[in-house]
């Protein structure tokens, strides 16, 4: 079975090579959350560290595959990962 996160991996790798590629996506506002909605759960510290390394493109292939399996079982962590990617954008890309 193909890795369902392969497109995300390729996009993050491409953004590492060319920040201009990510610019249109990084300027989107995060969706508004109703005030009564419970905030997203954060992953455990060890997994959060792996997700940060994943966002920076520093995770070896084997660990990326293992992390993708975890993301399949914990999709709520995708929004946390997206926030980590947004925080990596260079200052000139900030609005």
PDB file of N, CA and C in Angstrom:
ATOM      1  N   UNK A   1       0.840  -1.188   0.000  1.00  0.00           N
ATOM      2  CA  UNK A   1       0.000   0.000   0.000  1.00  0.00           C
ATOM      3  C   UNK A   1       0.884   1.251   0.000  1.00  0.00           C
ATOM      4  N   UNK A   2       0.541   2.191  -0.811  1.00  0.00           N
ATOM      5  CA  UNK A   2       1.316   3.430  -0.911  1.00  0.00           C
ATOM      6  C   UNK A   2       1.193   4.230   0.388  1.00  0.00           C
ATOM      7  N   UNK A   3       2.245   4.962   0.701  1.00  0.00           N
ATOM      8  CA  UNK A   3       2.252   5.804   1.890  1.00  0.00           C
ATOM      9  C   UNK A   3       1.289   6.980   1.673  1.00  0.00           C
ATOM     10  N   UNK A   4       0.227   7.084   2.473  1.00  0.00           N
ATOM     11  CA  UNK A   4      -0.742   8.163   2.262  1.00  0.00           C
ATOM     12  C   UNK A   4      -0.178   9.544   2.583  1.00  0.00           C
ATOM     13  N   UNK A   5       0.956   9.596   3.256  1.00  0.00           N
ATOM     14  CA  UNK A   5       1.555  10.884   3.592  1.00  0.00           C
ATOM     15  C   UNK A   5       2.710  11.249   2.668  1.00  0.00           C
ATOM     16  N   UNK A   6       2.910  10.460   1.615  1.00  0.00           N
ATOM     17  CA  UNK A   6       4.022  10.706   0.704  1.00  0.00           C
ATOM     18  C   UNK A   6       3.941  12.102   0.093  1.00  0.00           C
ATOM     19  N   UNK A   7       2.746  12.530  -0.245  1.00  0.00           N
ATOM     20  CA  UNK A   7       2.615  13.868  -0.838  1.00  0.00           C
ATOM     21  C   UNK A   7       3.019  14.946   0.171  1.00  0.00           C
ATOM     22  N   UNK A   8       2.697  14.739   1.453  1.00  0.00           N
ATOM     23  CA  UNK A   8       3.105  15.687   2.492  1.00  0.00           C
ATOM     24  C   UNK A   8       4.625  15.693   2.630  1.00  0.00           C
ATOM     25  N   UNK A   9       5.229  14.521   2.639  1.00  0.00           N
ATOM     26  CA  UNK A   9       6.685  14.408   2.735  1.00  0.00           C
ATOM     27  C   UNK A   9       7.338  15.131   1.557  1.00  0.00           C
ATOM     28  N   UNK A  10       6.838  14.890   0.356  1.00  0.00           N
ATOM     29  CA  UNK A  10       7.411  15.531  -0.829  1.00  0.00           C
ATOM     30  C   UNK A  10       7.226  17.048  -0.781  1.00  0.00           C
ATOM     31  N   UNK A  11       6.068  17.510  -0.310  1.00  0.00           N
ATOM     32  CA  UNK A  11       5.822  18.940  -0.210  1.00  0.00           C
ATOM     33  C   UNK A  11       6.785  19.581   0.787  1.00  0.00           C
ATOM     34  N   UNK A  12       6.964  18.957   1.960  1.00  0.00           N
ATOM     35  CA  UNK A  12       7.877  19.509   2.954  1.00  0.00           C
ATOM     36  C   UNK A  12       9.311  19.532   2.442  1.00  0.00           C
ATOM     37  N   UNK A  13       9.702  18.494   1.727  1.00  0.00           N
ATOM     38  CA  UNK A  13      11.046  18.468   1.150  1.00  0.00           C
ATOM     39  C   UNK A  13      11.208  19.569   0.103  1.00  0.00           C
ATOM     40  N   UNK A  14      10.190  19.766  -0.721  1.00  0.00           N
ATOM     41  CA  UNK A  14      10.247  20.820  -1.738  1.00  0.00           C
ATOM     42  C   UNK A  14      10.307  22.204  -1.091  1.00  0.00           C
ATOM     43  N   UNK A  15       9.591  22.385   0.009  1.00  0.00           N
ATOM     44  CA  UNK A  15       9.608  23.671   0.707  1.00  0.00           C
ATOM     45  C   UNK A  15      10.976  23.954   1.308  1.00  0.00           C
ATOM     46  N   UNK A  16      11.667  22.899   1.718  1.00  0.00           N
ATOM     47  CA  UNK A  16      13.023  23.077   2.231  1.00  0.00           C
ATOM     48  C   UNK A  16      13.938  23.623   1.131  1.00  0.00           C
ATOM     49  N   UNK A  17      13.731  23.147  -0.088  1.00  0.00           N
ATOM     50  CA  UNK A  17      14.568  23.577  -1.207  1.00  0.00           C
ATOM     51  C   UNK A  17      14.147  24.946  -1.742  1.00  0.00           C
ATOM     52  N   UNK A  18      12.860  25.250  -1.666  1.00  0.00           N
ATOM     53  CA  UNK A  18      12.360  26.489  -2.252  1.00  0.00           C
ATOM     54  C   UNK A  18      11.222  27.059  -1.403  1.00  0.00           C
ATOM     55  N   UNK A  19      11.532  27.965  -0.460  1.00  0.00           N
ATOM     56  CA  UNK A  19      10.487  28.547   0.384  1.00  0.00           C
ATOM     57  C   UNK A  19       9.390  29.253  -0.409  1.00  0.00           C
ATOM     58  N   UNK A  20       9.711  29.728  -1.626  1.00  0.00           N
ATOM     59  CA  UNK A  20       8.690  30.392  -2.443  1.00  0.00           C
ATOM     60  C   UNK A  20       7.550  29.452  -2.798  1.00  0.00           C
ATOM     61  N   UNK A  21       7.840  28.173  -2.883  1.00  0.00           N
ATOM     62  CA  UNK A  21       6.813  27.187  -3.200  1.00  0.00           C
ATOM     63  C   UNK A  21       5.721  27.164  -2.140  1.00  0.00           C
ATOM     64  N   UNK A  22       6.103  27.304  -0.888  1.00  0.00           N
ATOM     65  CA  UNK A  22       5.152  27.203   0.213  1.00  0.00           C
ATOM     66  C   UNK A  22       4.420  28.509   0.487  1.00  0.00           C
ATOM     67  N   UNK A  23       4.904  29.626  -0.016  1.00  0.00           N
ATOM     68  CA  UNK A  23       4.356  30.929   0.331  1.00  0.00           C
ATOM     69  C   UNK A  23       2.835  31.027   0.221  1.00  0.00           C
ATOM     70  N   UNK A  24       2.217  30.613  -0.880  1.00  0.00           N
ATOM     71  CA  UNK A  24       0.756  30.761  -0.960  1.00  0.00           C
ATOM     72  C   UNK A  24       0.013  29.947   0.104  1.00  0.00           C
ATOM     73  N   UNK A  25       0.553  28.808   0.473  1.00  0.00           N
ATOM     74  CA  UNK A  25      -0.104  27.957   1.456  1.00  0.00           C
ATOM     75  C   UNK A  25       0.105  28.471   2.872  1.00  0.00           C
ATOM     76  N   UNK A  26       1.260  29.034   3.132  1.00  0.00           N
ATOM     77  CA  UNK A  26       1.588  29.476   4.478  1.00  0.00           C
ATOM     78  C   UNK A  26       0.884  30.771   4.851  1.00  0.00           C
ATOM     79  N   UNK A  27       0.346  31.484   3.882  1.00  0.00           N
ATOM     80  CA  UNK A  27      -0.318  32.733   4.174  1.00  0.00           C
ATOM     81  C   UNK A  27      -1.803  32.561   4.482  1.00  0.00           C
ATOM     82  N   UNK A  28      -2.283  31.338   4.425  1.00  0.00           N
ATOM     83  CA  UNK A  28      -3.677  31.085   4.758  1.00  0.00           C
ATOM     84  C   UNK A  28      -3.871  31.217   6.263  1.00  0.00           C
ATOM     85  N   UNK A  29      -4.969  31.832   6.665  1.00  0.00           N
ATOM     86  CA  UNK A  29      -5.285  31.926   8.085  1.00  0.00           C
ATOM     87  C   UNK A  29      -5.737  30.567   8.588  1.00  0.00           C
ATOM     88  N   UNK A  30      -5.385  30.232   9.830  1.00  0.00           N
ATOM     89  CA  UNK A  30      -5.897  28.966  10.353  1.00  0.00           C
ATOM     90  C   UNK A  30      -7.412  29.063  10.504  1.00  0.00           C
ATOM     91  N   UNK A  31      -8.116  27.955  10.377  1.00  0.00           N
ATOM     92  CA  UNK A  31      -9.570  28.013  10.508  1.00  0.00           C
ATOM     93  C   UNK A  31      -9.957  28.457  11.908  1.00  0.00           C
ATOM     94  N   UNK A  32     -11.052  29.177  11.989  1.00  0.00           N
ATOM     95  CA  UNK A  32     -11.537  29.631  13.287  1.00  0.00           C
ATOM     96  C   UNK A  32     -12.117  28.457  14.064  1.00  0.00           C
ATOM     97  N   UNK A  33     -11.875  28.429  15.326  1.00  0.00           N
ATOM     98  CA  UNK A  33     -12.390  27.377  16.191  1.00  0.00           C
ATOM     99  C   UNK A  33     -13.488  27.980  17.070  1.00  0.00           C
ATOM    100  N   UNK A  34     -14.651  27.364  17.113  1.00  0.00           N
ATOM    101  CA  UNK A  34     -15.695  27.879  18.011  1.00  0.00           C
ATOM    102  C   UNK A  34     -15.169  27.926  19.445  1.00  0.00           C
ATOM    103  N   UNK A  35     -15.601  28.922  20.194  1.00  0.00           N
ATOM    104  CA  UNK A  35     -15.073  29.114  21.547  1.00  0.00           C
ATOM    105  C   UNK A  35     -15.388  27.952  22.481  1.00  0.00           C
ATOM    106  N   UNK A  36     -16.416  27.178  22.191  1.00  0.00           N
ATOM    107  CA  UNK A  36     -16.770  26.058  23.074  1.00  0.00           C
ATOM    108  C   UNK A  36     -16.100  24.749  22.656  1.00  0.00           C
ATOM    109  N   UNK A  37     -15.311  24.770  21.586  1.00  0.00           N
ATOM    110  CA  UNK A  37     -14.638  23.552  21.124  1.00  0.00           C
ATOM    111  C   UNK A  37     -13.395  23.296  21.966  1.00  0.00           C
ATOM    112  N   UNK A  38     -13.168  22.051  22.310  1.00  0.00           N
ATOM    113  CA  UNK A  38     -11.990  21.667  23.082  1.00  0.00           C
ATOM    114  C   UNK A  38     -10.756  21.808  22.197  1.00  0.00           C
ATOM    115  N   UNK A  39      -9.682  22.410  22.708  1.00  0.00           N
ATOM    116  CA  UNK A  39      -8.471  22.557  21.887  1.00  0.00           C
ATOM    117  C   UNK A  39      -7.917  21.201  21.452  1.00  0.00           C
ATOM    118  N   UNK A  40      -7.169  21.216  20.357  1.00  0.00           N
ATOM    119  CA  UNK A  40      -6.564  19.996  19.840  1.00  0.00           C
ATOM    120  C   UNK A  40      -5.585  19.427  20.865  1.00  0.00           C
ATOM    121  N   UNK A  41      -5.538  18.128  20.935  1.00  0.00           N
ATOM    122  CA  UNK A  41      -4.604  17.472  21.840  1.00  0.00           C
ATOM    123  C   UNK A  41      -3.211  17.487  21.247  1.00  0.00           C
ATOM    124  N   UNK A  42      -2.235  17.708  22.105  1.00  0.00           N
ATOM    125  CA  UNK A  42      -0.843  17.668  21.662  1.00  0.00           C
ATOM    126  C   UNK A  42      -0.309  16.245  21.792  1.00  0.00           C
ATOM    127  N   UNK A  43       0.593  15.876  20.905  1.00  0.00           N
ATOM    128  CA  UNK A  43       1.200  14.543  21.015  1.00  0.00           C
ATOM    129  C   UNK A  43       2.137  14.480  22.222  1.00  0.00           C
ATOM    130  N   UNK A  44       2.446  13.270  22.681  1.00  0.00           N
ATOM    131  CA  UNK A  44       3.439  13.123  23.761  1.00  0.00           C
ATOM    132  C   UNK A  44       4.778  13.730  23.344  1.00  0.00           C
ATOM    133  N   UNK A  45       5.587  14.073  24.313  1.00  0.00           N
ATOM    134  CA  UNK A  45       6.854  14.789  24.072  1.00  0.00           C
ATOM    135  C   UNK A  45       7.737  14.080  23.049  1.00  0.00           C
ATOM    136  N   UNK A  46       7.930  12.784  23.187  1.00  0.00           N
ATOM    137  CA  UNK A  46       8.803  12.058  22.259  1.00  0.00           C
ATOM    138  C   UNK A  46       8.281  12.126  20.823  1.00  0.00           C
ATOM    139  N   UNK A  47       6.972  11.981  20.669  1.00  0.00           N
ATOM    140  CA  UNK A  47       6.376  12.048  19.332  1.00  0.00           C
ATOM    141  C   UNK A  47       6.396  13.489  18.820  1.00  0.00           C
ATOM    142  N   UNK A  48       6.168  14.445  19.712  1.00  0.00           N
ATOM    143  CA  UNK A  48       6.230  15.859  19.314  1.00  0.00           C
ATOM    144  C   UNK A  48       7.623  16.193  18.778  1.00  0.00           C
ATOM    145  N   UNK A  49       8.657  15.675  19.427  1.00  0.00           N
ATOM    146  CA  UNK A  49      10.025  15.911  18.949  1.00  0.00           C
ATOM    147  C   UNK A  49      10.223  15.309  17.560  1.00  0.00           C
ATOM    148  N   UNK A  50       9.682  14.115  17.342  1.00  0.00           N
ATOM    149  CA  UNK A  50       9.779  13.484  16.013  1.00  0.00           C
ATOM    150  C   UNK A  50       9.010  14.289  14.977  1.00  0.00           C
ATOM    151  N   UNK A  51       7.840  14.797  15.348  1.00  0.00           N
ATOM    152  CA  UNK A  51       7.048  15.607  14.409  1.00  0.00           C
ATOM    153  C   UNK A  51       7.779  16.901  14.049  1.00  0.00           C
ATOM    154  N   UNK A  52       8.455  17.499  15.010  1.00  0.00           N
ATOM    155  CA  UNK A  52       9.232  18.716  14.720  1.00  0.00           C
ATOM    156  C   UNK A  52      10.369  18.399  13.739  1.00  0.00           C
ATOM    157  N   UNK A  53      11.040  17.275  13.973  1.00  0.00           N
ATOM    158  CA  UNK A  53      12.116  16.867  13.054  1.00  0.00           C
ATOM    159  C   UNK A  53      11.547  16.555  11.675  1.00  0.00           C
ATOM    160  N   UNK A  54      10.351  15.948  11.637  1.00  0.00           N
ATOM    161  CA  UNK A  54       9.659  15.666  10.379  1.00  0.00           C
ATOM    162  C   UNK A  54       9.366  16.971   9.637  1.00  0.00           C
ATOM    163  N   UNK A  55       8.876  17.968  10.357  1.00  0.00           N
ATOM    164  CA  UNK A  55       8.553  19.267   9.754  1.00  0.00           C
ATOM    165  C   UNK A  55       9.796  19.949   9.187  1.00  0.00           C
ATOM    166  N   UNK A  56      10.935  19.740   9.832  1.00  0.00           N
ATOM    167  CA  UNK A  56      12.192  20.344   9.362  1.00  0.00           C
ATOM    168  C   UNK A  56      12.876  19.501   8.291  1.00  0.00           C
ATOM    169  N   UNK A  57      12.308  18.326   7.981  1.00  0.00           N
ATOM    170  CA  UNK A  57      12.904  17.460   6.968  1.00  0.00           C
ATOM    171  C   UNK A  57      14.126  16.718   7.469  1.00  0.00           C
ATOM    172  N   UNK A  58      14.231  16.501   8.770  1.00  0.00           N
ATOM    173  CA  UNK A  58      15.410  15.882   9.371  1.00  0.00           C
ATOM    174  C   UNK A  58      15.177  14.438   9.817  1.00  0.00           C
ATOM    175  N   UNK A  59      14.028  13.879   9.519  1.00  0.00           N
ATOM    176  CA  UNK A  59      13.704  12.534  10.000  1.00  0.00           C
ATOM    177  C   UNK A  59      14.117  11.499   8.961  1.00  0.00           C
ATOM    178  N   UNK A  60      14.879  10.474   9.367  1.00  0.00           N
ATOM    179  CA  UNK A  60      15.263   9.417   8.422  1.00  0.00           C
ATOM    180  C   UNK A  60      14.028   8.690   7.884  1.00  0.00           C
ATOM    181  N   UNK A  61      14.189   8.073   6.737  1.00  0.00           N
ATOM    182  CA  UNK A  61      13.078   7.403   6.039  1.00  0.00           C
ATOM    183  C   UNK A  61      12.318   6.431   6.940  1.00  0.00           C
ATOM    184  N   UNK A  62      13.019   5.570   7.651  1.00  0.00           N
ATOM    185  CA  UNK A  62      12.365   4.569   8.500  1.00  0.00           C
ATOM    186  C   UNK A  62      11.495   5.239   9.567  1.00  0.00           C
ATOM    187  N   UNK A  63      12.032   6.281  10.206  1.00  0.00           N
ATOM    188  CA  UNK A  63      11.271   6.992  11.237  1.00  0.00           C
ATOM    189  C   UNK A  63      10.086   7.739  10.627  1.00  0.00           C
ATOM    190  N   UNK A  64      10.254   8.260   9.409  1.00  0.00           N
ATOM    191  CA  UNK A  64       9.122   8.926   8.728  1.00  0.00           C
ATOM    192  C   UNK A  64       7.997   7.941   8.509  1.00  0.00           C
ATOM    193  N   UNK A  65       8.336   6.737   8.064  1.00  0.00           N
ATOM    194  CA  UNK A  65       7.306   5.732   7.826  1.00  0.00           C
ATOM    195  C   UNK A  65       6.577   5.379   9.119  1.00  0.00           C
ATOM    196  N   UNK A  66       7.319   5.220  10.201  1.00  0.00           N
ATOM    197  CA  UNK A  66       6.710   4.905  11.490  1.00  0.00           C
ATOM    198  C   UNK A  66       5.819   6.053  11.960  1.00  0.00           C
ATOM    199  N   UNK A  67       6.275   7.282  11.742  1.00  0.00           N
ATOM    200  CA  UNK A  67       5.492   8.443  12.145  1.00  0.00           C
ATOM    201  C   UNK A  67       4.210   8.554  11.324  1.00  0.00           C
ATOM    202  N   UNK A  68       4.281   8.218  10.054  1.00  0.00           N
ATOM    203  CA  UNK A  68       3.083   8.247   9.205  1.00  0.00           C
ATOM    204  C   UNK A  68       2.033   7.252   9.697  1.00  0.00           C
ATOM    205  N   UNK A  69       2.470   6.112  10.195  1.00  0.00           N
ATOM    206  CA  UNK A  69       1.541   5.139  10.763  1.00  0.00           C
ATOM    207  C   UNK A  69       0.872   5.740  12.005  1.00  0.00           C
ATOM    208  N   UNK A  70       1.657   6.411  12.837  1.00  0.00           N
ATOM    209  CA  UNK A  70       1.089   7.061  14.019  1.00  0.00           C
ATOM    210  C   UNK A  70       0.097   8.158  13.636  1.00  0.00           C
ATOM    211  N   UNK A  71       0.414   8.918  12.594  1.00  0.00           N
ATOM    212  CA  UNK A  71      -0.506   9.967  12.148  1.00  0.00           C
ATOM    213  C   UNK A  71      -1.813   9.381  11.633  1.00  0.00           C
ATOM    214  N   UNK A  72      -1.741   8.197  11.042  1.00  0.00           N
ATOM    215  CA  UNK A  72      -2.975   7.522  10.603  1.00  0.00           C
ATOM    216  C   UNK A  72      -3.884   7.208  11.786  1.00  0.00           C
ATOM    217  N   UNK A  73      -3.279   6.838  12.898  1.00  0.00           N
ATOM    218  CA  UNK A  73      -4.075   6.460  14.064  1.00  0.00           C
ATOM    219  C   UNK A  73      -4.394   7.645  14.971  1.00  0.00           C
ATOM    220  N   UNK A  74      -3.715   8.772  14.777  1.00  0.00           N
ATOM    221  CA  UNK A  74      -3.950   9.978  15.579  1.00  0.00           C
ATOM    222  C   UNK A  74      -4.045  11.199  14.654  1.00  0.00           C
ATOM    223  N   UNK A  75      -5.065  11.293  13.825  1.00  0.00           N
ATOM    224  CA  UNK A  75      -5.148  12.399  12.865  1.00  0.00           C
ATOM    225  C   UNK A  75      -5.224  13.782  13.515  1.00  0.00           C
ATOM    226  N   UNK A  76      -5.587  13.848  14.780  1.00  0.00           N
ATOM    227  CA  UNK A  76      -5.647  15.139  15.453  1.00  0.00           C
ATOM    228  C   UNK A  76      -4.266  15.786  15.518  1.00  0.00           C
ATOM    229  N   UNK A  77      -3.207  14.969  15.448  1.00  0.00           N
ATOM    230  CA  UNK A  77      -1.848  15.509  15.491  1.00  0.00           C
ATOM    231  C   UNK A  77      -1.468  16.219  14.195  1.00  0.00           C
ATOM    232  N   UNK A  78      -2.226  16.024  13.128  1.00  0.00           N
ATOM    233  CA  UNK A  78      -1.916  16.705  11.864  1.00  0.00           C
ATOM    234  C   UNK A  78      -2.010  18.219  12.008  1.00  0.00           C
ATOM    235  N   UNK A  79      -2.989  18.694  12.755  1.00  0.00           N
ATOM    236  CA  UNK A  79      -3.091  20.150  12.939  1.00  0.00           C
ATOM    237  C   UNK A  79      -1.924  20.667  13.777  1.00  0.00           C
ATOM    238  N   UNK A  80      -1.475  19.873  14.732  1.00  0.00           N
ATOM    239  CA  UNK A  80      -0.303  20.247  15.524  1.00  0.00           C
ATOM    240  C   UNK A  80       0.931  20.306  14.626  1.00  0.00           C
ATOM    241  N   UNK A  81       1.071  19.314  13.738  1.00  0.00           N
ATOM    242  CA  UNK A  81       2.183  19.285  12.786  1.00  0.00           C
ATOM    243  C   UNK A  81       2.125  20.497  11.857  1.00  0.00           C
ATOM    244  N   UNK A  82       0.937  20.834  11.397  1.00  0.00           N
ATOM    245  CA  UNK A  82       0.782  21.998  10.514  1.00  0.00           C
ATOM    246  C   UNK A  82       1.238  23.272  11.224  1.00  0.00           C
ATOM    247  N   UNK A  83       0.943  23.392  12.506  1.00  0.00           N
ATOM    248  CA  UNK A  83       1.388  24.563  13.271  1.00  0.00           C
ATOM    249  C   UNK A  83       2.911  24.603  13.347  1.00  0.00           C
ATOM    250  N   UNK A  84       3.537  23.452  13.511  1.00  0.00           N
ATOM    251  CA  UNK A  84       5.001  23.408  13.549  1.00  0.00           C
ATOM    252  C   UNK A  84       5.588  23.872  12.215  1.00  0.00           C
ATOM    253  N   UNK A  85       4.967  23.461  11.119  1.00  0.00           N
ATOM    254  CA  UNK A  85       5.434  23.877   9.789  1.00  0.00           C
ATOM    255  C   UNK A  85       5.267  25.389   9.642  1.00  0.00           C
ATOM    256  N   UNK A  86       4.127  25.938  10.089  1.00  0.00           N
ATOM    257  CA  UNK A  86       3.916  27.389  10.000  1.00  0.00           C
ATOM    258  C   UNK A  86       4.971  28.150  10.789  1.00  0.00           C
ATOM    259  N   UNK A  87       5.355  27.619  11.938  1.00  0.00           N
ATOM    260  CA  UNK A  87       6.357  28.291  12.769  1.00  0.00           C
ATOM    261  C   UNK A  87       7.747  28.274  12.146  1.00  0.00           C
ATOM    262  N   UNK A  88       7.967  27.391  11.186  1.00  0.00           N
ATOM    263  CA  UNK A  88       9.271  27.311  10.527  1.00  0.00           C
ATOM    264  C   UNK A  88       9.441  28.326   9.387  1.00  0.00           C
ATOM    265  N   UNK A  89       8.336  28.941   8.982  1.00  0.00           N
ATOM    266  CA  UNK A  89       8.455  29.850   7.839  1.00  0.00           C
ATOM    267  C   UNK A  89       9.358  31.027   8.195  1.00  0.00           C
ATOM    268  N   UNK A  90      10.138  31.468   7.222  1.00  0.00           N
ATOM    269  CA  UNK A  90      11.061  32.576   7.464  1.00  0.00           C
ATOM    270  C   UNK A  90      10.299  33.875   7.740  1.00  0.00           C
ATOM    271  N   UNK A  91      10.922  34.807   8.478  1.00  0.00           N
ATOM    272  CA  UNK A  91      10.249  36.062   8.828  1.00  0.00           C
ATOM    273  C   UNK A  91       9.730  36.839   7.619  1.00  0.00           C
ATOM    274  N   UNK A  92      10.445  36.759   6.483  1.00  0.00           N
ATOM    275  CA  UNK A  92       9.987  37.520   5.296  1.00  0.00           C
ATOM    276  C   UNK A  92       8.688  36.965   4.731  1.00  0.00           C
ATOM    277  N   UNK A  93       8.289  35.773   5.146  1.00  0.00           N
ATOM    278  CA  UNK A  93       7.028  35.195   4.664  1.00  0.00           C
ATOM    279  C   UNK A  93       5.868  35.524   5.593  1.00  0.00           C
ATOM    280  N   UNK A  94       6.145  36.153   6.731  1.00  0.00           N
ATOM    281  CA  UNK A  94       5.091  36.529   7.672  1.00  0.00           C
ATOM    282  C   UNK A  94       4.289  37.694   7.095  1.00  0.00           C
ATOM    283  N   UNK A  95       3.048  37.747   7.463  1.00  0.00           N
ATOM    284  CA  UNK A  95       2.217  38.869   7.002  1.00  0.00           C
ATOM    285  C   UNK A  95       2.410  40.054   7.885  1.00  0.00           C
TER     286      UNK A  95
END
